[in-house]
Amino acid sequence: MRLSIRMRLTLWNASVLAFVLGAFALAGWITLTTTLRQRTDAAVRESARVVAGAIRAERAAAQARGDVEEVRGETEQAVLRELRVGDLEVFIADEGAQLMAARQPGPSRTSINTIDDAVLLPDEVRTLLRDIVQTRATEIADERQVAVGTIHMRGVDWRAGVTRLAPMVQDPGEPPLLVTALHSLEDDRLLLRAVRTTLLLAIPLALLASVIAGYALARRSLAPLDAITTRTASITAANLDDRLQVVNPHDELGRLAHIVNGLLGRVGDAFRTQRQFVADASHELRTPIAIIRGEADVTLRRSTRDETEYREALQVIQQESVRLSRVVDDLFLLARVDAGSPIGEYREVAIAELVATAARSVRSLAESRSVSLQLSESPATAELRIHGDSVLLHRLVLNLLDNALKHAPASSTVYVRVDATDQLVQIDVDDEGPGVPSALRDRLFERFVHGASSQPDDDASGHGGGAGLGLAIAQAIAHAHGGHIGLRPSTDRAHGACFRVTLPRSASASGDVA
């Protein structure tokens, strides 16, 4: 099942938050445990050094007084009695793990100074001392060094720091002592447990709050999208002029609404164009059909009919049938172009020869209207060949010539020129007629558009020019060949309509391998 956008946004937000909270919790947990361990290790190291230093100082003072017996018996006890080491437990024993003195804070605090009381040394401490003496002796070889370890004693974990206390100079046979400072890890354990409990409760609650708040925010943020969806769904062909309300044109939803409004505008224009096209096509098709039907009805109603009347009626019907067929063919061609279907069979075409052939096709019509045709071509186009359909390109040029002859006054000239650049082929068709009205320029290549002085019934090209489709078909053919037809400024010799066809040169013409 596909989730909604708001639900996906909520889950993504919760996932990211869970990852971030988990990363921070893990980093905080590692930092806290490391900090506590470092603090405890520093405390036991410092305490061991302080106790050992105090004993050395007391020994030195006793030696200075010459009281050797005091040094051998009561020095450690006196030091532990007077020393301030907080809540740490301190044990002093020799390398054989025989207890010499101990200090335990609180009600059980004692100071021991009898070697016979070795049983008072906890087994866990004795095991740690033996391990250090046997396997970690290098860590306490220097009296300034402290070996650190962890033991479990009386149901609690302890961190122990052990340092070595060398024998007195006056009695080199005396065994060295090991000073052990113990720090309980119970407070640290309780703190870590409290932090862990807090994290285990806080993170799920934070995620739950994030899901609820994220869903509410996503729903509120996407509410305009629901409005856009509902409003767009309500727009049909009957109300294409309706538009979406753009609340904030600068955010994503505002831009979406603006794009949808633009799409609706284009769809509306397409619908209006289609309606107009259908109406114009119906009008163009209705006229020849009405003429054919009228001629047939009149001929059939006559009681006496001779061969001449039949022939005249059939000639009219034939002419209108041909015109009707041409309009239908043109509409079919334009429909294929609109559908994006390929038209024509493309091969190498000699463009200058094709234009000359089209000019010869209308020369007799031009002479009948007292209009002269002047054809010129640049030397670069003499052998120029382009990739295209010769029939369609011939029709393109013929439609432009037909349009020029319709608007060219008597005793004027229609100029046709073929030229080429490095990448393009240009065909110019200019006349000395009234030109294109400014109000008609933007719609000149639309279907069923007639010029002010055009004569729909005088179809010189034989391809439906009288129906107002000639220029539209010519533009469609140009587009199918990757080209374009446009108006260009009037020249000194031709102040009427000046059309320019621009087509790309073929690969072989530009020197590339086809």
Foldseek 3Di string as FASTA:
>chain_A
DDDDPLLVQLVVQLVVLLVVLVVVLVVVLVVLVVVVVVVQVVLQLVVLLVLLVQLVVQLVVCVVVVNVVCNLFPSSQVSLVPDDSDQKKKWKFFLQQQTQFIAGDDPPGDTHHDSVVSVPRDPQVNVVSPCCVPPVVVQQVDQSGWDWDWTQPPNFIKIKIKHWRQDDPVCNVDTIMIMIIIDTCPVVVVVSVVSVVCSVVVSVVVSVVSSVVSSVVSCVVCVVVVVVVVVVVPDDLVPLVDADDQPDCPDPSNVVSVVVNVVSVVVNVVVVLVVVVVVLLCVQLVVLVVLLVVLVVVQVPDPDDDPVSVVVSVVSNVVSVLLNVLSVVLVVVVVCLVVVHADADKDKDLVLVLLVVLCVLCQVVCVVQQEEEAEEEDPLSRRFIAIAHSVLVSLLSNLLVQVQSQFAHHNWYWYWYWYDDLWKIKIKTFHQGAAADPVCQVVLLPAQDDGPRGDLVDGSSSRRVSSRNSSVSSQSRLVSQVKGKHWDAADPRGRHTMIMIMGTGHCVSNPHDD
